[in-house]
Amino acid sequence: NAYTMQMNNLKPEDTAVYYCKGRLLGKNSWGQG
């Protein structure tokens, strides 16, 4: 339950707020962004 997303060769269009979402037994939980 610990994950990392490595982002390489980033482009200006990748600019955003990124949110992680975990799903367990049909329920979603979101990170703070």
PDB file of all heavy atoms in Angstrom:
ATOM      1  N   ASN A   1       0.792  -1.229   0.000  1.00  0.00           N
ATOM      2  CA  ASN A   1       0.000   0.000   0.000  1.00  0.00           C
ATOM      3  C   ASN A   1       0.826   1.282   0.000  1.00  0.00           C
ATOM      4  O   ASN A   1       0.374   2.338   0.465  1.00  0.00           O
ATOM      5  CB  ASN A   1      -0.992   0.005   1.172  1.00  0.00           C
ATOM      6  CG  ASN A   1      -2.112  -1.002   0.984  1.00  0.00           C
ATOM      7  OD1 ASN A   1      -2.372  -1.448  -0.143  1.00  0.00           O
ATOM      8  ND2 ASN A   1      -2.760  -1.368   2.064  1.00  0.00           N
ATOM      9  N   ALA A   2       2.045   1.196  -0.560  1.00  0.00           N
ATOM     10  CA  ALA A   2       2.875   2.390  -0.755  1.00  0.00           C
ATOM     11  C   ALA A   2       3.372   2.372  -2.190  1.00  0.00           C
ATOM     12  O   ALA A   2       3.977   1.384  -2.620  1.00  0.00           O
ATOM     13  CB  ALA A   2       4.043   2.408   0.219  1.00  0.00           C
ATOM     14  N   TYR A   3       3.080   3.422  -2.915  1.00  0.00           N
ATOM     15  CA  TYR A   3       3.343   3.448  -4.345  1.00  0.00           C
ATOM     16  C   TYR A   3       4.065   4.731  -4.723  1.00  0.00           C
ATOM     17  O   TYR A   3       3.903   5.771  -4.090  1.00  0.00           O
ATOM     18  CB  TYR A   3       2.032   3.364  -5.126  1.00  0.00           C
ATOM     19  CG  TYR A   3       1.209   2.164  -4.764  1.00  0.00           C
ATOM     20  CD1 TYR A   3       0.297   2.214  -3.715  1.00  0.00           C
ATOM     21  CD2 TYR A   3       1.338   0.962  -5.458  1.00  0.00           C
ATOM     22  CE1 TYR A   3      -0.449   1.118  -3.361  1.00  0.00           C
ATOM     23  CE2 TYR A   3       0.586  -0.145  -5.114  1.00  0.00           C
ATOM     24  CZ  TYR A   3      -0.300  -0.057  -4.068  1.00  0.00           C
ATOM     25  OH  TYR A   3      -1.040  -1.156  -3.718  1.00  0.00           O
ATOM     26  N   THR A   4       4.829   4.632  -5.802  1.00  0.00           N
ATOM     27  CA  THR A   4       5.499   5.792  -6.360  1.00  0.00           C
ATOM     28  C   THR A   4       5.262   5.828  -7.861  1.00  0.00           C
ATOM     29  O   THR A   4       5.365   4.801  -8.531  1.00  0.00           O
ATOM     30  CB  THR A   4       7.009   5.746  -6.098  1.00  0.00           C
ATOM     31  OG1 THR A   4       7.242   5.841  -4.688  1.00  0.00           O
ATOM     32  CG2 THR A   4       7.720   6.912  -6.780  1.00  0.00           C
ATOM     33  N   MET A   5       4.940   7.008  -8.353  1.00  0.00           N
ATOM     34  CA  MET A   5       4.847   7.198  -9.796  1.00  0.00           C
ATOM     35  C   MET A   5       6.027   8.075 -10.215  1.00  0.00           C
ATOM     36  O   MET A   5       6.116   9.246  -9.825  1.00  0.00           O
ATOM     37  CB  MET A   5       3.527   7.850 -10.206  1.00  0.00           C
ATOM     38  CG  MET A   5       3.378   7.963 -11.724  1.00  0.00           C
ATOM     39  SD  MET A   5       1.696   8.342 -12.246  1.00  0.00           S
ATOM     40  CE  MET A   5       1.533  10.043 -11.718  1.00  0.00           C
ATOM     41  N   GLN A   6       6.924   7.465 -10.973  1.00  0.00           N
ATOM     42  CA  GLN A   6       8.091   8.176 -11.488  1.00  0.00           C
ATOM     43  C   GLN A   6       7.709   8.817 -12.814  1.00  0.00           C
ATOM     44  O   GLN A   6       7.232   8.115 -13.726  1.00  0.00           O
ATOM     45  CB  GLN A   6       9.263   7.203 -11.681  1.00  0.00           C
ATOM     46  CG  GLN A   6      10.512   7.832 -12.267  1.00  0.00           C
ATOM     47  CD  GLN A   6      11.172   8.815 -11.327  1.00  0.00           C
ATOM     48  OE1 GLN A   6      11.150   8.634 -10.121  1.00  0.00           O
ATOM     49  NE2 GLN A   6      11.767   9.863 -11.896  1.00  0.00           N
ATOM     50  N   MET A   7       7.919  10.096 -12.924  1.00  0.00           N
ATOM     51  CA  MET A   7       7.533  10.837 -14.122  1.00  0.00           C
ATOM     52  C   MET A   7       8.794  11.380 -14.793  1.00  0.00           C
ATOM     53  O   MET A   7       9.520  12.190 -14.211  1.00  0.00           O
ATOM     54  CB  MET A   7       6.595  11.993 -13.747  1.00  0.00           C
ATOM     55  CG  MET A   7       5.392  11.541 -12.940  1.00  0.00           C
ATOM     56  SD  MET A   7       4.246  12.881 -12.533  1.00  0.00           S
ATOM     57  CE  MET A   7       5.275  13.862 -11.459  1.00  0.00           C
ATOM     58  N   ASN A   8       9.056  10.892 -15.993  1.00  0.00           N
ATOM     59  CA  ASN A   8      10.259  11.264 -16.735  1.00  0.00           C
ATOM     60  C   ASN A   8       9.893  12.067 -17.983  1.00  0.00           C
ATOM     61  O   ASN A   8       8.759  12.009 -18.460  1.00  0.00           O
ATOM     62  CB  ASN A   8      11.038  10.013 -17.129  1.00  0.00           C
ATOM     63  CG  ASN A   8      11.442   9.180 -15.935  1.00  0.00           C
ATOM     64  OD1 ASN A   8      11.922   9.706 -14.922  1.00  0.00           O
ATOM     65  ND2 ASN A   8      11.264   7.874 -16.023  1.00  0.00           N
ATOM     66  N   ASN A   9      10.887  12.780 -18.504  1.00  0.00           N
ATOM     67  CA  ASN A   9      10.692  13.570 -19.717  1.00  0.00           C
ATOM     68  C   ASN A   9       9.425  14.423 -19.614  1.00  0.00           C
ATOM     69  O   ASN A   9       8.569  14.405 -20.513  1.00  0.00           O
ATOM     70  CB  ASN A   9      10.624  12.652 -20.935  1.00  0.00           C
ATOM     71  CG  ASN A   9      10.677  13.412 -22.246  1.00  0.00           C
ATOM     72  OD1 ASN A   9      11.152  14.552 -22.295  1.00  0.00           O
ATOM     73  ND2 ASN A   9      10.187  12.798 -23.300  1.00  0.00           N
ATOM     74  N   LEU A  10       9.319  15.140 -18.524  1.00  0.00           N
ATOM     75  CA  LEU A  10       8.121  15.937 -18.288  1.00  0.00           C
ATOM     76  C   LEU A  10       7.997  17.072 -19.287  1.00  0.00           C
ATOM     77  O   LEU A  10       8.992  17.633 -19.754  1.00  0.00           O
ATOM     78  CB  LEU A  10       8.132  16.479 -16.859  1.00  0.00           C
ATOM     79  CG  LEU A  10       7.791  15.439 -15.795  1.00  0.00           C
ATOM     80  CD1 LEU A  10       8.235  15.889 -14.412  1.00  0.00           C
ATOM     81  CD2 LEU A  10       6.297  15.140 -15.813  1.00  0.00           C
ATOM     82  N   LYS A  11       6.755  17.386 -19.606  1.00  0.00           N
ATOM     83  CA  LYS A  11       6.438  18.436 -20.577  1.00  0.00           C
ATOM     84  C   LYS A  11       5.594  19.508 -19.895  1.00  0.00           C
ATOM     85  O   LYS A  11       4.910  19.225 -18.897  1.00  0.00           O
ATOM     86  CB  LYS A  11       5.656  17.822 -21.738  1.00  0.00           C
ATOM     87  CG  LYS A  11       6.343  16.642 -22.398  1.00  0.00           C
ATOM     88  CD  LYS A  11       5.450  16.013 -23.456  1.00  0.00           C
ATOM     89  CE  LYS A  11       6.131  14.807 -24.093  1.00  0.00           C
ATOM     90  NZ  LYS A  11       5.261  14.180 -25.136  1.00  0.00           N
ATOM     91  N   PRO A  12       5.600  20.704 -20.419  1.00  0.00           N
ATOM     92  CA  PRO A  12       4.776  21.763 -19.816  1.00  0.00           C
ATOM     93  C   PRO A  12       3.304  21.360 -19.696  1.00  0.00           C
ATOM     94  O   PRO A  12       2.637  21.756 -18.718  1.00  0.00           O
ATOM     95  CB  PRO A  12       4.961  22.921 -20.784  1.00  0.00           C
ATOM     96  CG  PRO A  12       6.328  22.726 -21.344  1.00  0.00           C
ATOM     97  CD  PRO A  12       6.464  21.228 -21.491  1.00  0.00           C
ATOM     98  N   GLU A  13       2.822  20.554 -20.620  1.00  0.00           N
ATOM     99  CA  GLU A  13       1.414  20.137 -20.560  1.00  0.00           C
ATOM    100  C   GLU A  13       1.145  19.124 -19.449  1.00  0.00           C
ATOM    101  O   GLU A  13      -0.008  18.776 -19.200  1.00  0.00           O
ATOM    102  CB  GLU A  13       0.947  19.578 -21.910  1.00  0.00           C
ATOM    103  CG  GLU A  13       1.850  18.508 -22.490  1.00  0.00           C
ATOM    104  CD  GLU A  13       2.831  19.081 -23.502  1.00  0.00           C
ATOM    105  OE1 GLU A  13       3.416  20.158 -23.241  1.00  0.00           O
ATOM    106  OE2 GLU A  13       3.031  18.424 -24.556  1.00  0.00           O
ATOM    107  N   ASP A  14       2.187  18.663 -18.773  1.00  0.00           N
ATOM    108  CA  ASP A  14       2.005  17.797 -17.608  1.00  0.00           C
ATOM    109  C   ASP A  14       1.721  18.608 -16.344  1.00  0.00           C
ATOM    110  O   ASP A  14       1.444  18.033 -15.280  1.00  0.00           O
ATOM    111  CB  ASP A  14       3.239  16.926 -17.372  1.00  0.00           C
ATOM    112  CG  ASP A  14       3.464  15.908 -18.481  1.00  0.00           C
ATOM    113  OD1 ASP A  14       2.478  15.299 -18.929  1.00  0.00           O
ATOM    114  OD2 ASP A  14       4.630  15.724 -18.878  1.00  0.00           O
ATOM    115  N   THR A  15       1.810  19.915 -16.446  1.00  0.00           N
ATOM    116  CA  THR A  15       1.528  20.776 -15.296  1.00  0.00           C
ATOM    117  C   THR A  15       0.092  20.582 -14.832  1.00  0.00           C
ATOM    118  O   THR A  15      -0.851  20.708 -15.623  1.00  0.00           O
ATOM    119  CB  THR A  15       1.763  22.253 -15.661  1.00  0.00           C
ATOM    120  OG1 THR A  15       3.160  22.450 -15.938  1.00  0.00           O
ATOM    121  CG2 THR A  15       1.339  23.183 -14.533  1.00  0.00           C
ATOM    122  N   ALA A  16      -0.070  20.239 -13.559  1.00  0.00           N
ATOM    123  CA  ALA A  16      -1.398  19.948 -13.018  1.00  0.00           C
ATOM    124  C   ALA A  16      -1.270  19.633 -11.529  1.00  0.00           C
ATOM    125  O   ALA A  16      -0.161  19.492 -11.007  1.00  0.00           O
ATOM    126  CB  ALA A  16      -2.024  18.760 -13.736  1.00  0.00           C
ATOM    127  N   VAL A  17      -2.416  19.513 -10.889  1.00  0.00           N
ATOM    128  CA  VAL A  17      -2.465  18.926  -9.549  1.00  0.00           C
ATOM    129  C   VAL A  17      -2.764  17.450  -9.732  1.00  0.00           C
ATOM    130  O   VAL A  17      -3.724  17.092 -10.429  1.00  0.00           O
ATOM    131  CB  VAL A  17      -3.531  19.599  -8.669  1.00  0.00           C
ATOM    132  CG1 VAL A  17      -3.594  18.912  -7.309  1.00  0.00           C
ATOM    133  CG2 VAL A  17      -3.217  21.087  -8.504  1.00  0.00           C
ATOM    134  N   TYR A  18      -1.950  16.627  -9.131  1.00  0.00           N
ATOM    135  CA  TYR A  18      -2.074  15.189  -9.261  1.00  0.00           C
ATOM    136  C   TYR A  18      -2.678  14.606  -7.982  1.00  0.00           C
ATOM    137  O   TYR A  18      -2.255  14.949  -6.868  1.00  0.00           O
ATOM    138  CB  TYR A  18      -0.707  14.556  -9.522  1.00  0.00           C
ATOM    139  CG  TYR A  18      -0.207  14.781 -10.927  1.00  0.00           C
ATOM    140  CD1 TYR A  18       0.218  16.039 -11.345  1.00  0.00           C
ATOM    141  CD2 TYR A  18      -0.159  13.739 -11.853  1.00  0.00           C
ATOM    142  CE1 TYR A  18       0.661  16.255 -12.633  1.00  0.00           C
ATOM    143  CE2 TYR A  18       0.295  13.950 -13.146  1.00  0.00           C
ATOM    144  CZ  TYR A  18       0.696  15.205 -13.528  1.00  0.00           C
ATOM    145  OH  TYR A  18       1.137  15.412 -14.813  1.00  0.00           O
ATOM    146  N   TYR A  19      -3.641  13.714  -8.165  1.00  0.00           N
ATOM    147  CA  TYR A  19      -4.325  13.064  -7.050  1.00  0.00           C
ATOM    148  C   TYR A  19      -4.188  11.557  -7.174  1.00  0.00           C
ATOM    149  O   TYR A  19      -4.375  11.006  -8.273  1.00  0.00           O
ATOM    150  CB  TYR A  19      -5.813  13.412  -7.052  1.00  0.00           C
ATOM    151  CG  TYR A  19      -6.131  14.876  -6.937  1.00  0.00           C
ATOM    152  CD1 TYR A  19      -6.218  15.677  -8.065  1.00  0.00           C
ATOM    153  CD2 TYR A  19      -6.358  15.461  -5.693  1.00  0.00           C
ATOM    154  CE1 TYR A  19      -6.512  17.028  -7.969  1.00  0.00           C
ATOM    155  CE2 TYR A  19      -6.653  16.810  -5.582  1.00  0.00           C
ATOM    156  CZ  TYR A  19      -6.725  17.582  -6.719  1.00  0.00           C
ATOM    157  OH  TYR A  19      -7.016  18.924  -6.620  1.00  0.00           O
ATOM    158  N   CYS A  20      -3.904  10.887  -6.074  1.00  0.00           N
ATOM    159  CA  CYS A  20      -3.948   9.433  -6.110  1.00  0.00           C
ATOM    160  C   CYS A  20      -5.292   8.983  -5.534  1.00  0.00           C
ATOM    161  O   CYS A  20      -5.890   9.658  -4.683  1.00  0.00           O
ATOM    162  CB  CYS A  20      -2.778   8.796  -5.354  1.00  0.00           C
ATOM    163  SG  CYS A  20      -2.722   9.088  -3.583  1.00  0.00           S
ATOM    164  N   LYS A  21      -5.735   7.867  -6.043  1.00  0.00           N
ATOM    165  CA  LYS A  21      -6.998   7.295  -5.601  1.00  0.00           C
ATOM    166  C   LYS A  21      -6.776   5.829  -5.317  1.00  0.00           C
ATOM    167  O   LYS A  21      -6.283   5.094  -6.166  1.00  0.00           O
ATOM    168  CB  LYS A  21      -8.068   7.461  -6.680  1.00  0.00           C
ATOM    169  CG  LYS A  21      -9.442   6.943  -6.276  1.00  0.00           C
ATOM    170  CD  LYS A  21     -10.406   6.945  -7.446  1.00  0.00           C
ATOM    171  CE  LYS A  21     -10.204   5.738  -8.327  1.00  0.00           C
ATOM    172  NZ  LYS A  21     -11.231   5.625  -9.401  1.00  0.00           N
ATOM    173  N   GLY A  22      -7.155   5.406  -4.131  1.00  0.00           N
ATOM    174  CA  GLY A  22      -7.075   3.993  -3.772  1.00  0.00           C
ATOM    175  C   GLY A  22      -8.465   3.394  -3.734  1.00  0.00           C
ATOM    176  O   GLY A  22      -9.407   4.036  -3.275  1.00  0.00           O
ATOM    177  N   ARG A  23      -8.563   2.183  -4.242  1.00  0.00           N
ATOM    178  CA  ARG A  23      -9.865   1.521  -4.249  1.00  0.00           C
ATOM    179  C   ARG A  23      -9.757   0.228  -3.445  1.00  0.00           C
ATOM    180  O   ARG A  23      -8.820  -0.567  -3.652  1.00  0.00           O
ATOM    181  CB  ARG A  23     -10.318   1.207  -5.673  1.00  0.00           C
ATOM    182  CG  ARG A  23     -11.739   0.664  -5.761  1.00  0.00           C
ATOM    183  CD  ARG A  23     -12.223   0.673  -7.195  1.00  0.00           C
ATOM    184  NE  ARG A  23     -13.584   0.167  -7.308  1.00  0.00           N
ATOM    185  CZ  ARG A  23     -14.676   0.896  -7.124  1.00  0.00           C
ATOM    186  NH1 ARG A  23     -14.563   2.167  -6.800  1.00  0.00           N
ATOM    187  NH2 ARG A  23     -15.873   0.357  -7.258  1.00  0.00           N
ATOM    188  N   LEU A  24     -10.691   0.038  -2.544  1.00  0.00           N
ATOM    189  CA  LEU A  24     -10.697  -1.156  -1.710  1.00  0.00           C
ATOM    190  C   LEU A  24     -12.132  -1.554  -1.429  1.00  0.00           C
ATOM    191  O   LEU A  24     -12.915  -0.740  -0.911  1.00  0.00           O
ATOM    192  CB  LEU A  24      -9.957  -0.896  -0.388  1.00  0.00           C
ATOM    193  CG  LEU A  24      -9.898  -2.065   0.590  1.00  0.00           C
ATOM    194  CD1 LEU A  24      -9.098  -3.223  -0.005  1.00  0.00           C
ATOM    195  CD2 LEU A  24      -9.285  -1.637   1.914  1.00  0.00           C
ATOM    196  N   LEU A  25     -12.462  -2.776  -1.808  1.00  0.00           N
ATOM    197  CA  LEU A  25     -13.802  -3.329  -1.565  1.00  0.00           C
ATOM    198  C   LEU A  25     -14.896  -2.393  -2.059  1.00  0.00           C
ATOM    199  O   LEU A  25     -15.901  -2.178  -1.385  1.00  0.00           O
ATOM    200  CB  LEU A  25     -13.964  -3.614  -0.070  1.00  0.00           C
ATOM    201  CG  LEU A  25     -12.944  -4.590   0.526  1.00  0.00           C
ATOM    202  CD1 LEU A  25     -13.152  -4.741   2.030  1.00  0.00           C
ATOM    203  CD2 LEU A  25     -13.042  -5.949  -0.162  1.00  0.00           C
ATOM    204  N   GLY A  26     -14.683  -1.842  -3.220  1.00  0.00           N
ATOM    205  CA  GLY A  26     -15.707  -1.023  -3.847  1.00  0.00           C
ATOM    206  C   GLY A  26     -15.750   0.429  -3.406  1.00  0.00           C
ATOM    207  O   GLY A  26     -16.572   1.203  -3.890  1.00  0.00           O
ATOM    208  N   LYS A  27     -14.865   0.810  -2.492  1.00  0.00           N
ATOM    209  CA  LYS A  27     -14.858   2.193  -2.015  1.00  0.00           C
ATOM    210  C   LYS A  27     -13.580   2.894  -2.447  1.00  0.00           C
ATOM    211  O   LYS A  27     -12.503   2.304  -2.435  1.00  0.00           O
ATOM    212  CB  LYS A  27     -14.980   2.224  -0.486  1.00  0.00           C
ATOM    213  CG  LYS A  27     -16.320   1.714   0.035  1.00  0.00           C
ATOM    214  CD  LYS A  27     -16.407   1.844   1.544  1.00  0.00           C
ATOM    215  CE  LYS A  27     -17.753   1.338   2.049  1.00  0.00           C
ATOM    216  NZ  LYS A  27     -17.859   1.463   3.525  1.00  0.00           N
ATOM    217  N   ASN A  28     -13.746   4.155  -2.799  1.00  0.00           N
ATOM    218  CA  ASN A  28     -12.608   4.967  -3.233  1.00  0.00           C
ATOM    219  C   ASN A  28     -12.176   5.928  -2.129  1.00  0.00           C
ATOM    220  O   ASN A  28     -13.012   6.503  -1.425  1.00  0.00           O
ATOM    221  CB  ASN A  28     -12.974   5.787  -4.463  1.00  0.00           C
ATOM    222  CG  ASN A  28     -13.245   4.932  -5.678  1.00  0.00           C
ATOM    223  OD1 ASN A  28     -12.600   3.908  -5.880  1.00  0.00           O
ATOM    224  ND2 ASN A  28     -14.207   5.339  -6.479  1.00  0.00           N
ATOM    225  N   SER A  29     -10.884   6.094  -2.023  1.00  0.00           N
ATOM    226  CA  SER A  29     -10.317   7.104  -1.125  1.00  0.00           C
ATOM    227  C   SER A  29      -9.326   7.933  -1.924  1.00  0.00           C
ATOM    228  O   SER A  29      -8.606   7.389  -2.759  1.00  0.00           O
ATOM    229  CB  SER A  29      -9.604   6.441   0.061  1.00  0.00           C
ATOM    230  OG  SER A  29     -10.493   5.665   0.822  1.00  0.00           O
ATOM    231  N   TRP A  30      -9.281   9.230  -1.646  1.00  0.00           N
ATOM    232  CA  TRP A  30      -8.439  10.141  -2.421  1.00  0.00           C
ATOM    233  C   TRP A  30      -7.354  10.779  -1.551  1.00  0.00           C
ATOM    234  O   TRP A  30      -7.586  11.079  -0.379  1.00  0.00           O
ATOM    235  CB  TRP A  30      -9.295  11.253  -3.022  1.00  0.00           C
ATOM    236  CG  TRP A  30     -10.207  10.784  -4.108  1.00  0.00           C
ATOM    237  CD1 TRP A  30     -11.453  10.254  -3.961  1.00  0.00           C
ATOM    238  CD2 TRP A  30      -9.948  10.803  -5.515  1.00  0.00           C
ATOM    239  NE1 TRP A  30     -11.988   9.944  -5.191  1.00  0.00           N
ATOM    240  CE2 TRP A  30     -11.081  10.269  -6.161  1.00  0.00           C
ATOM    241  CE3 TRP A  30      -8.874  11.232  -6.292  1.00  0.00           C
ATOM    242  CZ2 TRP A  30     -11.164  10.148  -7.554  1.00  0.00           C
ATOM    243  CZ3 TRP A  30      -8.948  11.113  -7.673  1.00  0.00           C
ATOM    244  CH2 TRP A  30     -10.080  10.576  -8.292  1.00  0.00           C
ATOM    245  N   GLY A  31      -6.222  11.000  -2.176  1.00  0.00           N
ATOM    246  CA  GLY A  31      -5.174  11.767  -1.533  1.00  0.00           C
ATOM    247  C   GLY A  31      -5.495  13.248  -1.608  1.00  0.00           C
ATOM    248  O   GLY A  31      -6.458  13.660  -2.257  1.00  0.00           O
ATOM    249  N   GLN A  32      -4.645  14.037  -0.963  1.00  0.00           N
ATOM    250  CA  GLN A  32      -4.929  15.475  -0.852  1.00  0.00           C
ATOM    251  C   GLN A  32      -4.519  16.258  -2.092  1.00  0.00           C
ATOM    252  O   GLN A  32      -4.899  17.419  -2.248  1.00  0.00           O
ATOM    253  CB  GLN A  32      -4.212  16.055   0.387  1.00  0.00           C
ATOM    254  CG  GLN A  32      -2.730  16.340   0.191  1.00  0.00           C
ATOM    255  CD  GLN A  32      -1.845  15.112   0.379  1.00  0.00           C
ATOM    256  OE1 GLN A  32      -2.305  13.967   0.378  1.00  0.00           O
ATOM    257  NE2 GLN A  32      -0.545  15.379   0.553  1.00  0.00           N
ATOM    258  N   GLY A  33      -3.793  15.609  -2.979  1.00  0.00           N
ATOM    259  CA  GLY A  33      -3.336  16.290  -4.190  1.00  0.00           C
ATOM    260  C   GLY A  33      -1.960  16.900  -4.005  1.00  0.00           C
ATOM    261  O   GLY A  33      -1.616  17.364  -2.908  1.00  0.00           O
TER     262      GLY A  33
END
